[in-house]
Structure formats: structure tokens, C-alpha cells
Amino acid sequence: MSYTWFDLVGNIGVFLVVLAFYLLQTERITSRDIRYSLLNLTGAILLLISLLFNWNLSSVIIELFWIGISLIGIFKHLTRKSEGGKGTQNSPEAV
């Protein structure tokens, strides 16, 4: 078995998704923090790229959901910002 560029891309994606979860669990970021959604989105895209070369339907499906849910989080963050910042990451109700 050889280690290819798409294996590296997938491993970076795994690292980013796990990093996002770690930061959330250690309360360094909140789920409303755009960095959480961006880390998850980037990780899922990188994993999806690697899956194009090592096909696994179940993994592709979960990554597509991960991308969609991350985009919802980014959209919600951006709409909160445009509404005057109510519910931003520093507010008490953001947890």
C-alpha cells in the first residue's frame, strides 16, 4: 500500500474535524463560532476529495451531510452578524 496525495488530503480533513470537536469540548470555541463551522466544512471537503479516489458510499453520504450542516452554521452566523450581532459567540446565550 502506498501513501498518496489524496490520503494526505483525507488525513488533514480528519485532523480538522477532530480539532473542531476537541476545541468545542474543551470550550475554546462554541458551536456558534464560525471557526467551528469552517473547520468542519474544510475537513469534510478534504475528506470528500480523498473519497473520490477511495470510494465508500456511506462515507460520501456522511461527508455531504457534514458539508450541508456546516454551511447552515456559516449561514446562521452570517445572518446573526447582519442582524446587529445578536447572539454572537461572546454572548451568554451562545453556549
PDB file of N, CA and C in Angstrom:
ATOM      1  N   MET A   1       0.843  -1.183   0.000  1.00  0.00           N
ATOM      2  CA  MET A   1       0.000   0.000   0.000  1.00  0.00           C
ATOM      3  C   MET A   1       0.886   1.243   0.000  1.00  0.00           C
ATOM      4  N   SER A   2       0.567   2.156  -0.871  1.00  0.00           N
ATOM      5  CA  SER A   2       1.333   3.400  -0.933  1.00  0.00           C
ATOM      6  C   SER A   2       0.501   4.550  -0.366  1.00  0.00           C
ATOM      7  N   TYR A   3       1.201   5.528   0.137  1.00  0.00           N
ATOM      8  CA  TYR A   3       0.562   6.717   0.700  1.00  0.00           C
ATOM      9  C   TYR A   3       0.548   7.777  -0.385  1.00  0.00           C
ATOM     10  N   THR A   4      -0.638   8.182  -0.795  1.00  0.00           N
ATOM     11  CA  THR A   4      -0.790   9.110  -1.913  1.00  0.00           C
ATOM     12  C   THR A   4      -1.168  10.505  -1.430  1.00  0.00           C
ATOM     13  N   TRP A   5      -1.189  11.438  -2.364  1.00  0.00           N
ATOM     14  CA  TRP A   5      -1.551  12.812  -2.019  1.00  0.00           C
ATOM     15  C   TRP A   5      -2.982  12.890  -1.506  1.00  0.00           C
ATOM     16  N   PHE A   6      -3.879  12.043  -2.059  1.00  0.00           N
ATOM     17  CA  PHE A   6      -5.270  12.103  -1.595  1.00  0.00           C
ATOM     18  C   PHE A   6      -5.432  11.443  -0.229  1.00  0.00           C
ATOM     19  N   ASP A   7      -4.520  10.539   0.144  1.00  0.00           N
ATOM     20  CA  ASP A   7      -4.511  10.036   1.520  1.00  0.00           C
ATOM     21  C   ASP A   7      -4.135  11.172   2.474  1.00  0.00           C
ATOM     22  N   LEU A   8      -3.137  11.948   2.101  1.00  0.00           N
ATOM     23  CA  LEU A   8      -2.719  13.088   2.915  1.00  0.00           C
ATOM     24  C   LEU A   8      -3.854  14.098   3.055  1.00  0.00           C
ATOM     25  N   VAL A   9      -4.518  14.401   1.953  1.00  0.00           N
ATOM     26  CA  VAL A   9      -5.645  15.341   1.974  1.00  0.00           C
ATOM     27  C   VAL A   9      -6.729  14.834   2.929  1.00  0.00           C
ATOM     28  N   GLY A  10      -7.064  13.553   2.840  1.00  0.00           N
ATOM     29  CA  GLY A  10      -8.067  12.968   3.729  1.00  0.00           C
ATOM     30  C   GLY A  10      -7.649  13.009   5.185  1.00  0.00           C
ATOM     31  N   ASN A  11      -6.368  12.753   5.450  1.00  0.00           N
ATOM     32  CA  ASN A  11      -5.886  12.791   6.831  1.00  0.00           C
ATOM     33  C   ASN A  11      -5.904  14.201   7.397  1.00  0.00           C
ATOM     34  N   ILE A  12      -5.613  15.178   6.575  1.00  0.00           N
ATOM     35  CA  ILE A  12      -5.735  16.573   7.022  1.00  0.00           C
ATOM     36  C   ILE A  12      -7.197  16.885   7.338  1.00  0.00           C
ATOM     37  N   GLY A  13      -8.107  16.389   6.506  1.00  0.00           N
ATOM     38  CA  GLY A  13      -9.535  16.570   6.765  1.00  0.00           C
ATOM     39  C   GLY A  13      -9.962  15.958   8.084  1.00  0.00           C
ATOM     40  N   VAL A  14      -9.491  14.749   8.355  1.00  0.00           N
ATOM     41  CA  VAL A  14      -9.795  14.096   9.636  1.00  0.00           C
ATOM     42  C   VAL A  14      -9.274  14.947  10.785  1.00  0.00           C
ATOM     43  N   PHE A  15      -8.042  15.423  10.668  1.00  0.00           N
ATOM     44  CA  PHE A  15      -7.455  16.250  11.715  1.00  0.00           C
ATOM     45  C   PHE A  15      -8.308  17.484  11.983  1.00  0.00           C
ATOM     46  N   LEU A  16      -8.786  18.150  10.932  1.00  0.00           N
ATOM     47  CA  LEU A  16      -9.570  19.371  11.114  1.00  0.00           C
ATOM     48  C   LEU A  16     -10.909  19.100  11.793  1.00  0.00           C
ATOM     49  N   VAL A  17     -11.568  18.012  11.412  1.00  0.00           N
ATOM     50  CA  VAL A  17     -12.856  17.673  12.029  1.00  0.00           C
ATOM     51  C   VAL A  17     -12.659  17.320  13.507  1.00  0.00           C
ATOM     52  N   VAL A  18     -11.630  16.548  13.799  1.00  0.00           N
ATOM     53  CA  VAL A  18     -11.352  16.179  15.186  1.00  0.00           C
ATOM     54  C   VAL A  18     -10.921  17.414  15.990  1.00  0.00           C
ATOM     55  N   LEU A  19     -10.134  18.290  15.368  1.00  0.00           N
ATOM     56  CA  LEU A  19      -9.722  19.531  16.033  1.00  0.00           C
ATOM     57  C   LEU A  19     -10.940  20.380  16.396  1.00  0.00           C
ATOM     58  N   ALA A  20     -11.877  20.506  15.479  1.00  0.00           N
ATOM     59  CA  ALA A  20     -13.094  21.283  15.753  1.00  0.00           C
ATOM     60  C   ALA A  20     -13.834  20.705  16.953  1.00  0.00           C
ATOM     61  N   PHE A  21     -13.972  19.390  16.994  1.00  0.00           N
ATOM     62  CA  PHE A  21     -14.666  18.738  18.107  1.00  0.00           C
ATOM     63  C   PHE A  21     -13.894  18.924  19.412  1.00  0.00           C
ATOM     64  N   TYR A  22     -12.581  18.785  19.356  1.00  0.00           N
ATOM     65  CA  TYR A  22     -11.742  18.984  20.541  1.00  0.00           C
ATOM     66  C   TYR A  22     -11.898  20.405  21.083  1.00  0.00           C
ATOM     67  N   LEU A  23     -11.811  21.400  20.190  1.00  0.00           N
ATOM     68  CA  LEU A  23     -11.941  22.796  20.619  1.00  0.00           C
ATOM     69  C   LEU A  23     -13.312  23.066  21.219  1.00  0.00           C
ATOM     70  N   LEU A  24     -14.343  22.443  20.658  1.00  0.00           N
ATOM     71  CA  LEU A  24     -15.689  22.592  21.203  1.00  0.00           C
ATOM     72  C   LEU A  24     -15.780  21.967  22.598  1.00  0.00           C
ATOM     73  N   GLN A  25     -15.270  20.764  22.757  1.00  0.00           N
ATOM     74  CA  GLN A  25     -15.373  20.055  24.028  1.00  0.00           C
ATOM     75  C   GLN A  25     -14.532  20.693  25.126  1.00  0.00           C
ATOM     76  N   THR A  26     -13.440  21.328  24.757  1.00  0.00           N
ATOM     77  CA  THR A  26     -12.594  21.999  25.752  1.00  0.00           C
ATOM     78  C   THR A  26     -12.989  23.465  25.932  1.00  0.00           C
ATOM     79  N   GLU A  27     -14.105  23.843  25.331  1.00  0.00           N
ATOM     80  CA  GLU A  27     -14.707  25.172  25.450  1.00  0.00           C
ATOM     81  C   GLU A  27     -13.788  26.294  24.990  1.00  0.00           C
ATOM     82  N   ARG A  28     -12.957  25.994  24.023  1.00  0.00           N
ATOM     83  CA  ARG A  28     -12.130  27.042  23.417  1.00  0.00           C
ATOM     84  C   ARG A  28     -12.895  27.768  22.312  1.00  0.00           C
ATOM     85  N   ILE A  29     -13.904  27.099  21.759  1.00  0.00           N
ATOM     86  CA  ILE A  29     -14.837  27.719  20.817  1.00  0.00           C
ATOM     87  C   ILE A  29     -16.239  27.203  21.157  1.00  0.00           C
ATOM     88  N   THR A  30     -17.252  27.889  20.648  1.00  0.00           N
ATOM     89  CA  THR A  30     -18.633  27.429  20.824  1.00  0.00           C
ATOM     90  C   THR A  30     -19.144  26.924  19.481  1.00  0.00           C
ATOM     91  N   SER A  31     -20.261  26.247  19.520  1.00  0.00           N
ATOM     92  CA  SER A  31     -20.850  25.744  18.277  1.00  0.00           C
ATOM     93  C   SER A  31     -21.359  26.891  17.399  1.00  0.00           C
ATOM     94  N   ARG A  32     -21.531  28.067  17.963  1.00  0.00           N
ATOM     95  CA  ARG A  32     -21.974  29.230  17.189  1.00  0.00           C
ATOM     96  C   ARG A  32     -20.807  30.008  16.592  1.00  0.00           C
ATOM     97  N   ASP A  33     -19.612  29.668  16.987  1.00  0.00           N
ATOM     98  CA  ASP A  33     -18.398  30.310  16.472  1.00  0.00           C
ATOM     99  C   ASP A  33     -18.191  29.874  15.019  1.00  0.00           C
ATOM    100  N   ILE A  34     -17.996  30.827  14.146  1.00  0.00           N
ATOM    101  CA  ILE A  34     -17.840  30.489  12.729  1.00  0.00           C
ATOM    102  C   ILE A  34     -16.629  29.590  12.488  1.00  0.00           C
ATOM    103  N   ARG A  35     -15.632  29.667  13.349  1.00  0.00           N
ATOM    104  CA  ARG A  35     -14.456  28.801  13.193  1.00  0.00           C
ATOM    105  C   ARG A  35     -14.829  27.330  13.321  1.00  0.00           C
ATOM    106  N   TYR A  36     -15.790  27.029  14.154  1.00  0.00           N
ATOM    107  CA  TYR A  36     -16.251  25.647  14.310  1.00  0.00           C
ATOM    108  C   TYR A  36     -16.827  25.132  12.992  1.00  0.00           C
ATOM    109  N   SER A  37     -17.704  25.906  12.400  1.00  0.00           N
ATOM    110  CA  SER A  37     -18.310  25.501  11.129  1.00  0.00           C
ATOM    111  C   SER A  37     -17.283  25.471  10.002  1.00  0.00           C
ATOM    112  N   LEU A  38     -16.366  26.424   9.990  1.00  0.00           N
ATOM    113  CA  LEU A  38     -15.348  26.451   8.931  1.00  0.00           C
ATOM    114  C   LEU A  38     -14.387  25.267   9.033  1.00  0.00           C
ATOM    115  N   LEU A  39     -13.995  24.911  10.246  1.00  0.00           N
ATOM    116  CA  LEU A  39     -13.138  23.732  10.422  1.00  0.00           C
ATOM    117  C   LEU A  39     -13.858  22.470   9.954  1.00  0.00           C
ATOM    118  N   ASN A  40     -15.121  22.332  10.336  1.00  0.00           N
ATOM    119  CA  ASN A  40     -15.896  21.170   9.917  1.00  0.00           C
ATOM    120  C   ASN A  40     -16.105  21.146   8.405  1.00  0.00           C
ATOM    121  N   LEU A  41     -16.411  22.288   7.822  1.00  0.00           N
ATOM    122  CA  LEU A  41     -16.621  22.362   6.377  1.00  0.00           C
ATOM    123  C   LEU A  41     -15.346  21.995   5.622  1.00  0.00           C
ATOM    124  N   THR A  42     -14.244  22.594   6.004  1.00  0.00           N
ATOM    125  CA  THR A  42     -12.972  22.321   5.330  1.00  0.00           C
ATOM    126  C   THR A  42     -12.581  20.856   5.484  1.00  0.00           C
ATOM    127  N   GLY A  43     -12.714  20.334   6.696  1.00  0.00           N
ATOM    128  CA  GLY A  43     -12.396  18.925   6.933  1.00  0.00           C
ATOM    129  C   GLY A  43     -13.243  17.996   6.095  1.00  0.00           C
ATOM    130  N   ALA A  44     -14.544  18.268   6.030  1.00  0.00           N
ATOM    131  CA  ALA A  44     -15.451  17.419   5.259  1.00  0.00           C
ATOM    132  C   ALA A  44     -15.140  17.483   3.762  1.00  0.00           C
ATOM    133  N   ILE A  45     -14.809  18.661   3.263  1.00  0.00           N
ATOM    134  CA  ILE A  45     -14.461  18.790   1.844  1.00  0.00           C
ATOM    135  C   ILE A  45     -13.189  18.003   1.539  1.00  0.00           C
ATOM    136  N   LEU A  46     -12.191  18.114   2.408  1.00  0.00           N
ATOM    137  CA  LEU A  46     -10.945  17.374   2.191  1.00  0.00           C
ATOM    138  C   LEU A  46     -11.181  15.867   2.257  1.00  0.00           C
ATOM    139  N   LEU A  47     -12.009  15.438   3.191  1.00  0.00           N
ATOM    140  CA  LEU A  47     -12.348  14.016   3.255  1.00  0.00           C
ATOM    141  C   LEU A  47     -13.093  13.571   1.997  1.00  0.00           C
ATOM    142  N   LEU A  48     -13.981  14.406   1.511  1.00  0.00           N
ATOM    143  CA  LEU A  48     -14.728  14.076   0.296  1.00  0.00           C
ATOM    144  C   LEU A  48     -13.794  13.958  -0.913  1.00  0.00           C
ATOM    145  N   ILE A  49     -12.808  14.830  -0.987  1.00  0.00           N
ATOM    146  CA  ILE A  49     -11.826  14.745  -2.071  1.00  0.00           C
ATOM    147  C   ILE A  49     -11.121  13.394  -2.016  1.00  0.00           C
ATOM    148  N   SER A  50     -10.681  12.992  -0.840  1.00  0.00           N
ATOM    149  CA  SER A  50      -9.986  11.702  -0.731  1.00  0.00           C
ATOM    150  C   SER A  50     -10.926  10.545  -1.070  1.00  0.00           C
ATOM    151  N   LEU A  51     -12.199  10.690  -0.764  1.00  0.00           N
ATOM    152  CA  LEU A  51     -13.166   9.633  -1.058  1.00  0.00           C
ATOM    153  C   LEU A  51     -13.446   9.488  -2.553  1.00  0.00           C
ATOM    154  N   LEU A  52     -13.144  10.517  -3.319  1.00  0.00           N
ATOM    155  CA  LEU A  52     -13.305  10.399  -4.775  1.00  0.00           C
ATOM    156  C   LEU A  52     -12.315   9.382  -5.349  1.00  0.00           C
ATOM    157  N   PHE A  53     -11.220   9.150  -4.635  1.00  0.00           N
ATOM    158  CA  PHE A  53     -10.190   8.216  -5.083  1.00  0.00           C
ATOM    159  C   PHE A  53     -10.286   6.869  -4.385  1.00  0.00           C
ATOM    160  N   ASN A  54     -10.812   6.865  -3.177  1.00  0.00           N
ATOM    161  CA  ASN A  54     -11.052   5.636  -2.404  1.00  0.00           C
ATOM    162  C   ASN A  54     -12.531   5.596  -2.060  1.00  0.00           C
ATOM    163  N   TRP A  55     -13.357   5.232  -3.031  1.00  0.00           N
ATOM    164  CA  TRP A  55     -14.807   5.355  -2.928  1.00  0.00           C
ATOM    165  C   TRP A  55     -15.386   4.515  -1.792  1.00  0.00           C
ATOM    166  N   ASN A  56     -16.270   5.145  -1.025  1.00  0.00           N
ATOM    167  CA  ASN A  56     -17.040   4.476   0.011  1.00  0.00           C
ATOM    168  C   ASN A  56     -18.344   5.257   0.125  1.00  0.00           C
ATOM    169  N   LEU A  57     -19.416   4.690  -0.376  1.00  0.00           N
ATOM    170  CA  LEU A  57     -20.692   5.403  -0.459  1.00  0.00           C
ATOM    171  C   LEU A  57     -21.159   5.932   0.895  1.00  0.00           C
ATOM    172  N   SER A  58     -21.064   5.122   1.918  1.00  0.00           N
ATOM    173  CA  SER A  58     -21.527   5.561   3.239  1.00  0.00           C
ATOM    174  C   SER A  58     -20.741   6.776   3.723  1.00  0.00           C
ATOM    175  N   SER A  59     -19.435   6.760   3.517  1.00  0.00           N
ATOM    176  CA  SER A  59     -18.603   7.893   3.932  1.00  0.00           C
ATOM    177  C   SER A  59     -18.897   9.135   3.105  1.00  0.00           C
ATOM    178  N   VAL A  60     -19.155   8.960   1.819  1.00  0.00           N
ATOM    179  CA  VAL A  60     -19.512  10.103   0.968  1.00  0.00           C
ATOM    180  C   VAL A  60     -20.806  10.726   1.457  1.00  0.00           C
ATOM    181  N   ILE A  61     -21.780   9.898   1.791  1.00  0.00           N
ATOM    182  CA  ILE A  61     -23.073  10.410   2.262  1.00  0.00           C
ATOM    183  C   ILE A  61     -22.893  11.223   3.543  1.00  0.00           C
ATOM    184  N   ILE A  62     -22.141  10.696   4.505  1.00  0.00           N
ATOM    185  CA  ILE A  62     -21.980  11.434   5.765  1.00  0.00           C
ATOM    186  C   ILE A  62     -21.209  12.731   5.545  1.00  0.00           C
ATOM    187  N   GLU A  63     -20.226  12.729   4.645  1.00  0.00           N
ATOM    188  CA  GLU A  63     -19.477  13.961   4.380  1.00  0.00           C
ATOM    189  C   GLU A  63     -20.357  15.000   3.699  1.00  0.00           C
ATOM    190  N   LEU A  64     -21.255  14.578   2.822  1.00  0.00           N
ATOM    191  CA  LEU A  64     -22.188  15.523   2.187  1.00  0.00           C
ATOM    192  C   LEU A  64     -23.106  16.149   3.244  1.00  0.00           C
ATOM    193  N   PHE A  65     -23.577  15.338   4.185  1.00  0.00           N
ATOM    194  CA  PHE A  65     -24.380  15.891   5.280  1.00  0.00           C
ATOM    195  C   PHE A  65     -23.545  16.842   6.126  1.00  0.00           C
ATOM    196  N   TRP A  66     -22.298  16.464   6.409  1.00  0.00           N
ATOM    197  CA  TRP A  66     -21.398  17.293   7.221  1.00  0.00           C
ATOM    198  C   TRP A  66     -21.195  18.649   6.544  1.00  0.00           C
ATOM    199  N   ILE A  67     -21.006  18.637   5.233  1.00  0.00           N
ATOM    200  CA  ILE A  67     -20.840  19.879   4.469  1.00  0.00           C
ATOM    201  C   ILE A  67     -22.110  20.717   4.556  1.00  0.00           C
ATOM    202  N   GLY A  68     -23.257  20.081   4.327  1.00  0.00           N
ATOM    203  CA  GLY A  68     -24.528  20.809   4.375  1.00  0.00           C
ATOM    204  C   GLY A  68     -24.799  21.438   5.723  1.00  0.00           C
ATOM    205  N   ILE A  69     -24.566  20.693   6.786  1.00  0.00           N
ATOM    206  CA  ILE A  69     -24.802  21.208   8.139  1.00  0.00           C
ATOM    207  C   ILE A  69     -23.811  22.325   8.471  1.00  0.00           C
ATOM    208  N   SER A  70     -22.574  22.181   8.027  1.00  0.00           N
ATOM    209  CA  SER A  70     -21.582  23.244   8.252  1.00  0.00           C
ATOM    210  C   SER A  70     -21.989  24.520   7.521  1.00  0.00           C
ATOM    211  N   LEU A  71     -22.515  24.380   6.318  1.00  0.00           N
ATOM    212  CA  LEU A  71     -22.972  25.553   5.567  1.00  0.00           C
ATOM    213  C   LEU A  71     -24.147  26.226   6.269  1.00  0.00           C
ATOM    214  N   ILE A  72     -25.023  25.434   6.877  1.00  0.00           N
ATOM    215  CA  ILE A  72     -26.119  26.016   7.667  1.00  0.00           C
ATOM    216  C   ILE A  72     -25.550  26.842   8.821  1.00  0.00           C
ATOM    217  N   GLY A  73     -24.553  26.301   9.517  1.00  0.00           N
ATOM    218  CA  GLY A  73     -23.924  27.030  10.623  1.00  0.00           C
ATOM    219  C   GLY A  73     -23.281  28.328  10.173  1.00  0.00           C
ATOM    220  N   ILE A  74     -22.610  28.298   9.018  1.00  0.00           N
ATOM    221  CA  ILE A  74     -21.979  29.511   8.480  1.00  0.00           C
ATOM    222  C   ILE A  74     -23.049  30.523   8.098  1.00  0.00           C
ATOM    223  N   PHE A  75     -24.106  30.065   7.443  1.00  0.00           N
ATOM    224  CA  PHE A  75     -25.204  30.959   7.051  1.00  0.00           C
ATOM    225  C   PHE A  75     -25.838  31.603   8.285  1.00  0.00           C
ATOM    226  N   LYS A  76     -26.096  30.797   9.316  1.00  0.00           N
ATOM    227  CA  LYS A  76     -26.694  31.344  10.543  1.00  0.00           C
ATOM    228  C   LYS A  76     -25.771  32.361  11.191  1.00  0.00           C
ATOM    229  N   HIS A  77     -24.477  32.085  11.201  1.00  0.00           N
ATOM    230  CA  HIS A  77     -23.517  33.023  11.773  1.00  0.00           C
ATOM    231  C   HIS A  77     -23.547  34.348  11.006  1.00  0.00           C
ATOM    232  N   LEU A  78     -23.542  34.259   9.692  1.00  0.00           N
ATOM    233  CA  LEU A  78     -23.526  35.481   8.873  1.00  0.00           C
ATOM    234  C   LEU A  78     -24.822  36.266   8.991  1.00  0.00           C
ATOM    235  N   THR A  79     -25.947  35.576   9.124  1.00  0.00           N
ATOM    236  CA  THR A  79     -27.217  36.301   9.273  1.00  0.00           C
ATOM    237  C   THR A  79     -27.334  36.920  10.663  1.00  0.00           C
ATOM    238  N   ARG A  80     -26.761  36.268  11.683  1.00  0.00           N
ATOM    239  CA  ARG A  80     -26.739  36.881  13.022  1.00  0.00           C
ATOM    240  C   ARG A  80     -25.919  38.156  12.991  1.00  0.00           C
ATOM    241  N   LYS A  81     -24.787  38.130  12.297  1.00  0.00           N
ATOM    242  CA  LYS A  81     -23.926  39.321  12.177  1.00  0.00           C
ATOM    243  C   LYS A  81     -24.687  40.458  11.505  1.00  0.00           C
ATOM    244  N   SER A  82     -25.435  40.133  10.441  1.00  0.00           N
ATOM    245  CA  SER A  82     -26.135  41.183   9.697  1.00  0.00           C
ATOM    246  C   SER A  82     -27.335  41.722  10.462  1.00  0.00           C
ATOM    247  N   GLU A  83     -27.796  40.997  11.481  1.00  0.00           N
ATOM    248  CA  GLU A  83     -28.919  41.457  12.300  1.00  0.00           C
ATOM    249  C   GLU A  83     -28.447  42.269  13.491  1.00  0.00           C
ATOM    250  N   GLY A  84     -27.225  42.760  13.441  1.00  0.00           N
ATOM    251  CA  GLY A  84     -26.723  43.597  14.513  1.00  0.00           C
ATOM    252  C   GLY A  84     -25.943  42.843  15.562  1.00  0.00           C
ATOM    253  N   GLY A  85     -25.562  41.620  15.276  1.00  0.00           N
ATOM    254  CA  GLY A  85     -24.708  40.866  16.174  1.00  0.00           C
ATOM    255  C   GLY A  85     -25.403  40.183  17.325  1.00  0.00           C
ATOM    256  N   LYS A  86     -26.738  40.135  17.307  1.00  0.00           N
ATOM    257  CA  LYS A  86     -27.402  39.467  18.426  1.00  0.00           C
ATOM    258  C   LYS A  86     -27.058  37.984  18.420  1.00  0.00           C
ATOM    259  N   GLY A  87     -26.733  37.453  19.579  1.00  0.00           N
ATOM    260  CA  GLY A  87     -26.414  36.043  19.695  1.00  0.00           C
ATOM    261  C   GLY A  87     -25.026  35.695  19.185  1.00  0.00           C
ATOM    262  N   THR A  88     -24.086  36.619  19.246  1.00  0.00           N
ATOM    263  CA  THR A  88     -22.737  36.321  18.793  1.00  0.00           C
ATOM    264  C   THR A  88     -22.045  35.400  19.768  1.00  0.00           C
ATOM    265  N   GLN A  89     -20.884  34.940  19.419  1.00  0.00           N
ATOM    266  CA  GLN A  89     -20.177  33.939  20.214  1.00  0.00           C
ATOM    267  C   GLN A  89     -19.837  34.395  21.618  1.00  0.00           C
ATOM    268  N   ASN A  90     -19.755  35.695  21.871  1.00  0.00           N
ATOM    269  CA  ASN A  90     -19.387  36.171  23.192  1.00  0.00           C
ATOM    270  C   ASN A  90     -20.576  36.395  24.116  1.00  0.00           C
ATOM    271  N   SER A  91     -21.778  36.233  23.596  1.00  0.00           N
ATOM    272  CA  SER A  91     -22.933  36.462  24.449  1.00  0.00           C
ATOM    273  C   SER A  91     -23.221  35.240  25.309  1.00  0.00           C
ATOM    274  N   PRO A  92     -23.837  35.409  26.463  1.00  0.00           N
ATOM    275  CA  PRO A  92     -24.098  34.289  27.372  1.00  0.00           C
ATOM    276  C   PRO A  92     -24.966  33.209  26.752  1.00  0.00           C
ATOM    277  N   GLU A  93     -25.895  33.584  25.877  1.00  0.00           N
ATOM    278  CA  GLU A  93     -26.783  32.582  25.311  1.00  0.00           C
ATOM    279  C   GLU A  93     -26.149  31.798  24.169  1.00  0.00           C
ATOM    280  N   ALA A  94     -24.890  32.074  23.861  1.00  0.00           N
ATOM    281  CA  ALA A  94     -24.222  31.398  22.741  1.00  0.00           C
ATOM    282  C   ALA A  94     -23.784  29.980  23.087  1.00  0.00           C
ATOM    283  N   VAL A  95     -23.830  29.604  24.334  1.00  0.00           N
ATOM    284  CA  VAL A  95     -23.333  28.270  24.735  1.00  0.00           C
ATOM    285  C   VAL A  95     -24.308  27.188  24.443  1.00  0.00           C
TER     286      VAL A  95
END
